[in-house]
């Protein structure tokens, strides 16, 4: 083999070896873990709701009073009705406040 062919073979094997070595390690960026959430009404403080707080409001941060019954926050699934506030427990449906 001449020097040029030998160099080409060496570079090719080096690239393959590097690829195999890198393939054995997990990605440098971890995959996002998705956690199931549910809308929980009546648990947010004024201006801290996640979205839509009844008629005349648009979205996040628009609730006017603490624990507004038609304002919601996302919470981990299965925890809403266990959240206690001064006005009662969290609700999976809008409530009158």
PDB file of N, CA and C in Angstrom:
ATOM      1  N   UNK A   1       0.849  -1.180   0.000  1.00  0.00           N
ATOM      2  CA  UNK A   1       0.000   0.000   0.000  1.00  0.00           C
ATOM      3  C   UNK A   1       0.884   1.229   0.000  1.00  0.00           C
ATOM      4  N   UNK A   2       0.425   2.208  -0.736  1.00  0.00           N
ATOM      5  CA  UNK A   2       1.211   3.435  -0.706  1.00  0.00           C
ATOM      6  C   UNK A   2       0.819   4.272   0.509  1.00  0.00           C
ATOM      7  N   UNK A   3       1.526   5.307   0.809  1.00  0.00           N
ATOM      8  CA  UNK A   3       1.329   6.119   2.014  1.00  0.00           C
ATOM      9  C   UNK A   3      -0.051   6.768   2.048  1.00  0.00           C
ATOM     10  N   UNK A   4      -0.538   7.171   0.885  1.00  0.00           N
ATOM     11  CA  UNK A   4      -1.857   7.829   0.828  1.00  0.00           C
ATOM     12  C   UNK A   4      -2.962   6.851   1.232  1.00  0.00           C
ATOM     13  N   UNK A   5      -2.935   5.664   0.690  1.00  0.00           N
ATOM     14  CA  UNK A   5      -3.940   4.656   1.036  1.00  0.00           C
ATOM     15  C   UNK A   5      -3.850   4.276   2.506  1.00  0.00           C
ATOM     16  N   UNK A   6      -2.635   4.143   3.010  1.00  0.00           N
ATOM     17  CA  UNK A   6      -2.436   3.793   4.401  1.00  0.00           C
ATOM     18  C   UNK A   6      -2.995   4.878   5.325  1.00  0.00           C
ATOM     19  N   UNK A   7      -2.808   6.129   4.975  1.00  0.00           N
ATOM     20  CA  UNK A   7      -3.335   7.250   5.763  1.00  0.00           C
ATOM     21  C   UNK A   7      -4.859   7.248   5.734  1.00  0.00           C
ATOM     22  N   UNK A   8      -5.446   6.973   4.578  1.00  0.00           N
ATOM     23  CA  UNK A   8      -6.902   6.931   4.454  1.00  0.00           C
ATOM     24  C   UNK A   8      -7.490   5.817   5.319  1.00  0.00           C
ATOM     25  N   UNK A   9      -6.877   4.662   5.314  1.00  0.00           N
ATOM     26  CA  UNK A   9      -7.332   3.541   6.127  1.00  0.00           C
ATOM     27  C   UNK A   9      -7.207   3.887   7.615  1.00  0.00           C
ATOM     28  N   UNK A  10      -6.126   4.523   8.010  1.00  0.00           N
ATOM     29  CA  UNK A  10      -5.908   4.882   9.411  1.00  0.00           C
ATOM     30  C   UNK A  10      -6.956   5.883   9.891  1.00  0.00           C
ATOM     31  N   UNK A  11      -7.240   6.877   9.068  1.00  0.00           N
ATOM     32  CA  UNK A  11      -8.258   7.878   9.437  1.00  0.00           C
ATOM     33  C   UNK A  11      -9.632   7.226   9.536  1.00  0.00           C
ATOM     34  N   UNK A  12      -9.959   6.348   8.623  1.00  0.00           N
ATOM     35  CA  UNK A  12     -11.252   5.662   8.625  1.00  0.00           C
ATOM     36  C   UNK A  12     -11.421   4.819   9.888  1.00  0.00           C
ATOM     37  N   UNK A  13     -10.422   4.044  10.230  1.00  0.00           N
ATOM     38  CA  UNK A  13     -10.508   3.221  11.439  1.00  0.00           C
ATOM     39  C   UNK A  13     -10.570   4.083  12.696  1.00  0.00           C
ATOM     40  N   UNK A  14      -9.871   5.193  12.712  1.00  0.00           N
ATOM     41  CA  UNK A  14      -9.926   6.104  13.864  1.00  0.00           C
ATOM     42  C   UNK A  14     -11.331   6.663  14.043  1.00  0.00           C
ATOM     43  N   UNK A  15     -11.952   7.061  12.946  1.00  0.00           N
ATOM     44  CA  UNK A  15     -13.315   7.599  13.008  1.00  0.00           C
ATOM     45  C   UNK A  15     -14.296   6.536  13.476  1.00  0.00           C
ATOM     46  N   UNK A  16     -14.159   5.325  12.987  1.00  0.00           N
ATOM     47  CA  UNK A  16     -15.040   4.236  13.419  1.00  0.00           C
ATOM     48  C   UNK A  16     -14.852   3.936  14.903  1.00  0.00           C
ATOM     49  N   UNK A  17     -13.628   3.906  15.370  1.00  0.00           N
ATOM     50  CA  UNK A  17     -13.366   3.627  16.779  1.00  0.00           C
ATOM     51  C   UNK A  17     -13.952   4.731  17.658  1.00  0.00           C
ATOM     52  N   UNK A  18     -13.811   5.977  17.242  1.00  0.00           N
ATOM     53  CA  UNK A  18     -14.373   7.089  18.016  1.00  0.00           C
ATOM     54  C   UNK A  18     -15.896   6.996  18.052  1.00  0.00           C
ATOM     55  N   UNK A  19     -16.499   6.646  16.936  1.00  0.00           N
ATOM     56  CA  UNK A  19     -17.958   6.511  16.879  1.00  0.00           C
ATOM     57  C   UNK A  19     -18.463   5.415  17.797  1.00  0.00           C
ATOM     58  N   UNK A  20     -17.772   4.290  17.821  1.00  0.00           N
ATOM     59  CA  UNK A  20     -18.158   3.176  18.692  1.00  0.00           C
ATOM     60  C   UNK A  20     -18.016   3.599  20.154  1.00  0.00           C
ATOM     61  N   UNK A  21     -16.933   4.280  20.485  1.00  0.00           N
ATOM     62  CA  UNK A  21     -16.715   4.704  21.866  1.00  0.00           C
ATOM     63  C   UNK A  21     -17.796   5.688  22.311  1.00  0.00           C
ATOM     64  N   UNK A  22     -18.159   6.631  21.467  1.00  0.00           N
ATOM     65  CA  UNK A  22     -19.180   7.612  21.826  1.00  0.00           C
ATOM     66  C   UNK A  22     -20.570   6.986  21.905  1.00  0.00           C
ATOM     67  N   UNK A  23     -20.820   5.979  21.136  1.00  0.00           N
ATOM     68  CA  UNK A  23     -22.134   5.338  21.129  1.00  0.00           C
ATOM     69  C   UNK A  23     -22.401   4.589  22.433  1.00  0.00           C
ATOM     70  N   UNK A  24     -21.370   4.300  23.191  1.00  0.00           N
ATOM     71  CA  UNK A  24     -21.538   3.563  24.439  1.00  0.00           C
ATOM     72  C   UNK A  24     -21.992   4.452  25.587  1.00  0.00           C
ATOM     73  N   UNK A  25     -21.907   5.757  25.447  1.00  0.00           N
ATOM     74  CA  UNK A  25     -22.282   6.685  26.515  1.00  0.00           C
ATOM     75  C   UNK A  25     -23.630   7.309  26.222  1.00  0.00           C
ATOM     76  N   UNK A  26     -24.447   7.555  27.266  1.00  0.00           N
ATOM     77  CA  UNK A  26     -25.742   8.205  27.047  1.00  0.00           C
ATOM     78  C   UNK A  26     -25.553   9.625  26.547  1.00  0.00           C
ATOM     79  N   UNK A  27     -26.583  10.150  25.988  1.00  0.00           N
ATOM     80  CA  UNK A  27     -26.551  11.499  25.444  1.00  0.00           C
ATOM     81  C   UNK A  27     -26.139  12.502  26.517  1.00  0.00           C
ATOM     82  N   UNK A  28     -25.431  13.542  26.109  1.00  0.00           N
ATOM     83  CA  UNK A  28     -25.000  14.578  27.050  1.00  0.00           C
ATOM     84  C   UNK A  28     -26.188  15.378  27.576  1.00  0.00           C
ATOM     85  N   UNK A  29     -27.249  15.472  26.786  1.00  0.00           N
ATOM     86  CA  UNK A  29     -28.444  16.178  27.235  1.00  0.00           C
ATOM     87  C   UNK A  29     -29.480  15.165  27.687  1.00  0.00           C
ATOM     88  N   UNK A  30     -29.843  15.187  28.968  1.00  0.00           N
ATOM     89  CA  UNK A  30     -30.821  14.221  29.450  1.00  0.00           C
ATOM     90  C   UNK A  30     -32.199  14.464  28.833  1.00  0.00           C
ATOM     91  N   UNK A  31     -32.923  13.395  28.637  1.00  0.00           N
ATOM     92  CA  UNK A  31     -34.275  13.512  28.095  1.00  0.00           C
ATOM     93  C   UNK A  31     -35.179  14.151  29.145  1.00  0.00           C
ATOM     94  N   UNK A  32     -36.116  14.973  28.681  1.00  0.00           N
ATOM     95  CA  UNK A  32     -37.062  15.601  29.597  1.00  0.00           C
ATOM     96  C   UNK A  32     -37.999  14.549  30.160  1.00  0.00           C
ATOM     97  N   UNK A  33     -38.192  14.609  31.458  1.00  0.00           N
ATOM     98  CA  UNK A  33     -39.155  13.714  32.081  1.00  0.00           C
ATOM     99  C   UNK A  33     -40.500  14.434  32.097  1.00  0.00           C
ATOM    100  N   UNK A  34     -41.505  13.792  31.604  1.00  0.00           N
ATOM    101  CA  UNK A  34     -42.820  14.408  31.617  1.00  0.00           C
ATOM    102  C   UNK A  34     -43.626  13.829  32.767  1.00  0.00           C
ATOM    103  N   UNK A  35     -44.161  14.720  33.551  1.00  0.00           N
ATOM    104  CA  UNK A  35     -44.972  14.320  34.686  1.00  0.00           C
ATOM    105  C   UNK A  35     -46.416  14.672  34.368  1.00  0.00           C
ATOM    106  N   UNK A  36     -47.313  13.755  34.607  1.00  0.00           N
ATOM    107  CA  UNK A  36     -48.730  14.013  34.370  1.00  0.00           C
ATOM    108  C   UNK A  36     -49.206  15.099  35.335  1.00  0.00           C
ATOM    109  N   UNK A  37     -49.967  16.044  34.803  1.00  0.00           N
ATOM    110  CA  UNK A  37     -50.508  17.121  35.627  1.00  0.00           C
ATOM    111  C   UNK A  37     -52.016  17.213  35.427  1.00  0.00           C
ATOM    112  N   UNK A  38     -52.658  17.909  36.349  1.00  0.00           N
ATOM    113  CA  UNK A  38     -54.092  18.162  36.234  1.00  0.00           C
ATOM    114  C   UNK A  38     -54.364  19.594  36.672  1.00  0.00           C
ATOM    115  N   UNK A  39     -55.452  20.145  36.153  1.00  0.00           N
ATOM    116  CA  UNK A  39     -55.877  21.485  36.557  1.00  0.00           C
ATOM    117  C   UNK A  39     -56.522  21.388  37.933  1.00  0.00           C
ATOM    118  N   UNK A  40     -56.051  22.235  38.842  1.00  0.00           N
ATOM    119  CA  UNK A  40     -56.610  22.239  40.187  1.00  0.00           C
ATOM    120  C   UNK A  40     -57.148  23.646  40.467  1.00  0.00           C
ATOM    121  N   UNK A  41     -58.446  23.739  40.702  1.00  0.00           N
ATOM    122  CA  UNK A  41     -59.120  25.021  40.911  1.00  0.00           C
ATOM    123  C   UNK A  41     -59.130  25.410  42.385  1.00  0.00           C
ATOM    124  N   UNK A  42     -59.052  26.727  42.602  1.00  0.00           N
ATOM    125  CA  UNK A  42     -59.221  27.264  43.943  1.00  0.00           C
ATOM    126  C   UNK A  42     -58.013  27.186  44.852  1.00  0.00           C
ATOM    127  N   UNK A  43     -56.826  26.970  44.296  1.00  0.00           N
ATOM    128  CA  UNK A  43     -55.648  26.837  45.156  1.00  0.00           C
ATOM    129  C   UNK A  43     -54.621  27.946  44.952  1.00  0.00           C
ATOM    130  N   UNK A  44     -54.797  28.780  43.932  1.00  0.00           N
ATOM    131  CA  UNK A  44     -53.764  29.771  43.637  1.00  0.00           C
ATOM    132  C   UNK A  44     -53.989  31.082  44.382  1.00  0.00           C
ATOM    133  N   UNK A  45     -52.897  31.736  44.689  1.00  0.00           N
ATOM    134  CA  UNK A  45     -52.955  33.076  45.278  1.00  0.00           C
ATOM    135  C   UNK A  45     -53.279  34.062  44.152  1.00  0.00           C
ATOM    136  N   UNK A  46     -53.759  35.247  44.517  1.00  0.00           N
ATOM    137  CA  UNK A  46     -54.087  36.273  43.527  1.00  0.00           C
ATOM    138  C   UNK A  46     -52.886  36.523  42.614  1.00  0.00           C
ATOM    139  N   UNK A  47     -53.148  36.499  41.312  1.00  0.00           N
ATOM    140  CA  UNK A  47     -52.111  36.760  40.318  1.00  0.00           C
ATOM    141  C   UNK A  47     -51.140  35.621  40.080  1.00  0.00           C
ATOM    142  N   UNK A  48     -51.398  34.440  40.645  1.00  0.00           N
ATOM    143  CA  UNK A  48     -50.475  33.323  40.484  1.00  0.00           C
ATOM    144  C   UNK A  48     -51.109  32.107  39.824  1.00  0.00           C
ATOM    145  N   UNK A  49     -52.280  32.295  39.217  1.00  0.00           N
ATOM    146  CA  UNK A  49     -52.919  31.171  38.524  1.00  0.00           C
ATOM    147  C   UNK A  49     -52.169  30.869  37.228  1.00  0.00           C
ATOM    148  N   UNK A  50     -52.339  29.651  36.717  1.00  0.00           N
ATOM    149  CA  UNK A  50     -51.655  29.273  35.485  1.00  0.00           C
ATOM    150  C   UNK A  50     -52.355  29.801  34.243  1.00  0.00           C
ATOM    151  N   UNK A  51     -53.665  29.801  34.210  1.00  0.00           N
ATOM    152  CA  UNK A  51     -54.354  30.344  33.051  1.00  0.00           C
ATOM    153  C   UNK A  51     -55.846  30.509  33.336  1.00  0.00           C
ATOM    154  N   UNK A  52     -56.501  31.297  32.511  1.00  0.00           N
ATOM    155  CA  UNK A  52     -57.937  31.570  32.544  1.00  0.00           C
ATOM    156  C   UNK A  52     -58.567  31.534  33.934  1.00  0.00           C
ATOM    157  N   UNK A  53     -58.956  32.703  34.399  1.00  0.00           N
ATOM    158  CA  UNK A  53     -59.575  32.799  35.721  1.00  0.00           C
ATOM    159  C   UNK A  53     -60.975  33.361  35.588  1.00  0.00           C
ATOM    160  N   UNK A  54     -61.800  32.667  34.859  1.00  0.00           N
ATOM    161  CA  UNK A  54     -63.190  33.076  34.730  1.00  0.00           C
ATOM    162  C   UNK A  54     -63.431  34.152  33.673  1.00  0.00           C
ATOM    163  N   UNK A  55     -64.675  34.586  33.610  1.00  0.00           N
ATOM    164  CA  UNK A  55     -65.084  35.579  32.611  1.00  0.00           C
ATOM    165  C   UNK A  55     -64.315  36.883  32.799  1.00  0.00           C
ATOM    166  N   UNK A  56     -63.919  37.474  31.690  1.00  0.00           N
ATOM    167  CA  UNK A  56     -63.232  38.752  31.730  1.00  0.00           C
ATOM    168  C   UNK A  56     -61.736  38.657  31.988  1.00  0.00           C
ATOM    169  N   UNK A  57     -61.212  37.454  32.082  1.00  0.00           N
ATOM    170  CA  UNK A  57     -59.771  37.288  32.258  1.00  0.00           C
ATOM    171  C   UNK A  57     -59.206  36.533  31.078  1.00  0.00           C
ATOM    172  N   UNK A  58     -57.921  36.681  30.871  1.00  0.00           N
ATOM    173  CA  UNK A  58     -57.328  36.049  29.705  1.00  0.00           C
ATOM    174  C   UNK A  58     -56.456  34.847  30.042  1.00  0.00           C
ATOM    175  N   UNK A  59     -55.476  35.061  30.880  1.00  0.00           N
ATOM    176  CA  UNK A  59     -54.585  33.925  31.117  1.00  0.00           C
ATOM    177  C   UNK A  59     -53.800  34.064  32.401  1.00  0.00           C
ATOM    178  N   UNK A  60     -52.601  33.518  32.408  1.00  0.00           N
ATOM    179  CA  UNK A  60     -51.789  33.405  33.617  1.00  0.00           C
ATOM    180  C   UNK A  60     -51.673  34.724  34.372  1.00  0.00           C
ATOM    181  N   UNK A  61     -51.783  34.619  35.681  1.00  0.00           N
ATOM    182  CA  UNK A  61     -51.613  35.775  36.541  1.00  0.00           C
ATOM    183  C   UNK A  61     -52.779  36.733  36.579  1.00  0.00           C
ATOM    184  N   UNK A  62     -53.940  36.307  36.095  1.00  0.00           N
ATOM    185  CA  UNK A  62     -55.074  37.228  36.002  1.00  0.00           C
ATOM    186  C   UNK A  62     -56.104  37.063  37.118  1.00  0.00           C
ATOM    187  N   UNK A  63     -55.896  36.140  38.049  1.00  0.00           N
ATOM    188  CA  UNK A  63     -56.859  35.993  39.140  1.00  0.00           C
ATOM    189  C   UNK A  63     -56.770  37.215  40.051  1.00  0.00           C
ATOM    190  N   UNK A  64     -57.899  37.599  40.586  1.00  0.00           N
ATOM    191  CA  UNK A  64     -57.969  38.838  41.369  1.00  0.00           C
ATOM    192  C   UNK A  64     -57.904  38.625  42.879  1.00  0.00           C
ATOM    193  N   UNK A  65     -58.259  37.451  43.356  1.00  0.00           N
ATOM    194  CA  UNK A  65     -58.272  37.185  44.793  1.00  0.00           C
ATOM    195  C   UNK A  65     -57.589  35.843  45.079  1.00  0.00           C
ATOM    196  N   UNK A  66     -57.131  35.672  46.292  1.00  0.00           N
ATOM    197  CA  UNK A  66     -56.544  34.400  46.702  1.00  0.00           C
ATOM    198  C   UNK A  66     -57.596  33.300  46.645  1.00  0.00           C
ATOM    199  N   UNK A  67     -57.195  32.147  46.163  1.00  0.00           N
ATOM    200  CA  UNK A  67     -58.025  30.932  46.132  1.00  0.00           C
ATOM    201  C   UNK A  67     -59.315  31.110  45.335  1.00  0.00           C
ATOM    202  N   UNK A  68     -59.238  31.893  44.259  1.00  0.00           N
ATOM    203  CA  UNK A  68     -60.392  32.130  43.391  1.00  0.00           C
ATOM    204  C   UNK A  68     -60.859  30.806  42.806  1.00  0.00           C
ATOM    205  N   UNK A  69     -62.148  30.506  42.941  1.00  0.00           N
ATOM    206  CA  UNK A  69     -62.690  29.200  42.577  1.00  0.00           C
ATOM    207  C   UNK A  69     -62.638  28.847  41.102  1.00  0.00           C
ATOM    208  N   UNK A  70     -62.555  29.859  40.226  1.00  0.00           N
ATOM    209  CA  UNK A  70     -62.504  29.544  38.798  1.00  0.00           C
ATOM    210  C   UNK A  70     -61.108  29.763  38.221  1.00  0.00           C
ATOM    211  N   UNK A  71     -60.112  29.949  39.070  1.00  0.00           N
ATOM    212  CA  UNK A  71     -58.716  30.064  38.641  1.00  0.00           C
ATOM    213  C   UNK A  71     -58.009  28.754  38.971  1.00  0.00           C
ATOM    214  N   UNK A  72     -57.163  28.300  38.059  1.00  0.00           N
ATOM    215  CA  UNK A  72     -56.515  27.013  38.293  1.00  0.00           C
ATOM    216  C   UNK A  72     -55.009  27.087  38.185  1.00  0.00           C
ATOM    217  N   UNK A  73     -54.359  26.086  38.755  1.00  0.00           N
ATOM    218  CA  UNK A  73     -52.921  25.860  38.622  1.00  0.00           C
ATOM    219  C   UNK A  73     -52.728  24.400  38.229  1.00  0.00           C
ATOM    220  N   UNK A  74     -51.683  24.127  37.478  1.00  0.00           N
ATOM    221  CA  UNK A  74     -51.322  22.745  37.183  1.00  0.00           C
ATOM    222  C   UNK A  74     -50.604  22.162  38.389  1.00  0.00           C
ATOM    223  N   UNK A  75     -51.022  20.981  38.789  1.00  0.00           N
ATOM    224  CA  UNK A  75     -50.394  20.270  39.900  1.00  0.00           C
ATOM    225  C   UNK A  75     -50.159  18.825  39.455  1.00  0.00           C
ATOM    226  N   UNK A  76     -49.271  18.104  40.117  1.00  0.00           N
ATOM    227  CA  UNK A  76     -49.075  16.699  39.755  1.00  0.00           C
ATOM    228  C   UNK A  76     -50.402  15.928  39.839  1.00  0.00           C
ATOM    229  N   UNK A  77     -50.636  15.086  38.852  1.00  0.00           N
ATOM    230  CA  UNK A  77     -51.881  14.320  38.788  1.00  0.00           C
ATOM    231  C   UNK A  77     -52.110  13.544  40.079  1.00  0.00           C
ATOM    232  N   UNK A  78     -53.349  13.597  40.563  1.00  0.00           N
ATOM    233  CA  UNK A  78     -53.731  12.864  41.752  1.00  0.00           C
ATOM    234  C   UNK A  78     -53.538  13.615  43.059  1.00  0.00           C
ATOM    235  N   UNK A  79     -53.049  14.858  42.991  1.00  0.00           N
ATOM    236  CA  UNK A  79     -52.794  15.590  44.232  1.00  0.00           C
ATOM    237  C   UNK A  79     -53.782  16.725  44.484  1.00  0.00           C
ATOM    238  N   UNK A  80     -54.548  17.115  43.505  1.00  0.00           N
ATOM    239  CA  UNK A  80     -55.398  18.302  43.621  1.00  0.00           C
ATOM    240  C   UNK A  80     -56.327  18.266  44.830  1.00  0.00           C
ATOM    241  N   UNK A  81     -57.068  17.223  44.965  1.00  0.00           N
ATOM    242  CA  UNK A  81     -58.086  17.183  46.016  1.00  0.00           C
ATOM    243  C   UNK A  81     -57.495  16.993  47.416  1.00  0.00           C
ATOM    244  N   UNK A  82     -56.178  16.844  47.503  1.00  0.00           N
ATOM    245  CA  UNK A  82     -55.535  16.739  48.814  1.00  0.00           C
ATOM    246  C   UNK A  82     -54.913  18.068  49.246  1.00  0.00           C
ATOM    247  N   UNK A  83     -54.965  19.083  48.369  1.00  0.00           N
ATOM    248  CA  UNK A  83     -54.375  20.380  48.692  1.00  0.00           C
ATOM    249  C   UNK A  83     -55.361  21.196  49.517  1.00  0.00           C
ATOM    250  N   UNK A  84     -54.939  21.576  50.709  1.00  0.00           N
ATOM    251  CA  UNK A  84     -55.812  22.314  51.623  1.00  0.00           C
ATOM    252  C   UNK A  84     -55.476  23.804  51.576  1.00  0.00           C
ATOM    253  N   UNK A  85     -56.499  24.637  51.492  1.00  0.00           N
ATOM    254  CA  UNK A  85     -56.346  26.087  51.522  1.00  0.00           C
ATOM    255  C   UNK A  85     -57.230  26.637  52.647  1.00  0.00           C
ATOM    256  N   UNK A  86     -57.091  27.909  52.984  1.00  0.00           N
ATOM    257  CA  UNK A  86     -57.984  28.500  53.986  1.00  0.00           C
ATOM    258  C   UNK A  86     -59.462  28.466  53.573  1.00  0.00           C
ATOM    259  N   UNK A  87     -59.710  28.300  52.266  1.00  0.00           N
ATOM    260  CA  UNK A  87     -61.093  28.251  51.783  1.00  0.00           C
ATOM    261  C   UNK A  87     -61.566  26.832  51.485  1.00  0.00           C
ATOM    262  N   UNK A  88     -60.793  25.832  51.844  1.00  0.00           N
ATOM    263  CA  UNK A  88     -61.197  24.446  51.594  1.00  0.00           C
ATOM    264  C   UNK A  88     -60.153  23.714  50.767  1.00  0.00           C
ATOM    265  N   UNK A  89     -60.577  22.607  50.214  1.00  0.00           N
ATOM    266  CA  UNK A  89     -59.674  21.742  49.443  1.00  0.00           C
ATOM    267  C   UNK A  89     -59.679  22.144  47.966  1.00  0.00           C
ATOM    268  N   UNK A  90     -58.607  21.738  47.246  1.00  0.00           N
ATOM    269  CA  UNK A  90     -58.558  21.962  45.809  1.00  0.00           C
ATOM    270  C   UNK A  90     -59.647  21.180  45.120  1.00  0.00           C
ATOM    271  N   UNK A  91     -60.018  21.627  43.915  1.00  0.00           N
ATOM    272  CA  UNK A  91     -61.117  20.986  43.182  1.00  0.00           C
ATOM    273  C   UNK A  91     -60.709  20.749  41.732  1.00  0.00           C
ATOM    274  N   UNK A  92     -61.176  19.645  41.173  1.00  0.00           N
ATOM    275  CA  UNK A  92     -60.912  19.341  39.768  1.00  0.00           C
ATOM    276  C   UNK A  92     -61.855  20.084  38.832  1.00  0.00           C
ATOM    277  N   UNK A  93     -62.868  20.738  39.376  1.00  0.00           N
ATOM    278  CA  UNK A  93     -63.809  21.533  38.578  1.00  0.00           C
ATOM    279  C   UNK A  93     -63.905  22.932  39.183  1.00  0.00           C
ATOM    280  N   UNK A  94     -64.259  23.918  38.354  1.00  0.00           N
ATOM    281  CA  UNK A  94     -64.389  25.280  38.895  1.00  0.00           C
ATOM    282  C   UNK A  94     -65.419  25.330  40.010  1.00  0.00           C
ATOM    283  N   UNK A  95     -65.164  26.159  40.998  1.00  0.00           N
ATOM    284  CA  UNK A  95     -66.083  26.298  42.130  1.00  0.00           C
ATOM    285  C   UNK A  95     -66.463  27.751  42.300  1.00  0.00           C
ATOM    286  N   UNK A  96     -67.495  27.992  43.054  1.00  0.00           N
ATOM    287  CA  UNK A  96     -67.882  29.360  43.384  1.00  0.00           C
ATOM    288  C   UNK A  96     -67.016  29.802  44.550  1.00  0.00           C
ATOM    289  N   UNK A  97     -66.474  31.002  44.446  1.00  0.00           N
ATOM    290  CA  UNK A  97     -65.632  31.453  45.563  1.00  0.00           C
ATOM    291  C   UNK A  97     -66.163  32.719  46.201  1.00  0.00           C
TER     292      UNK A  97
END
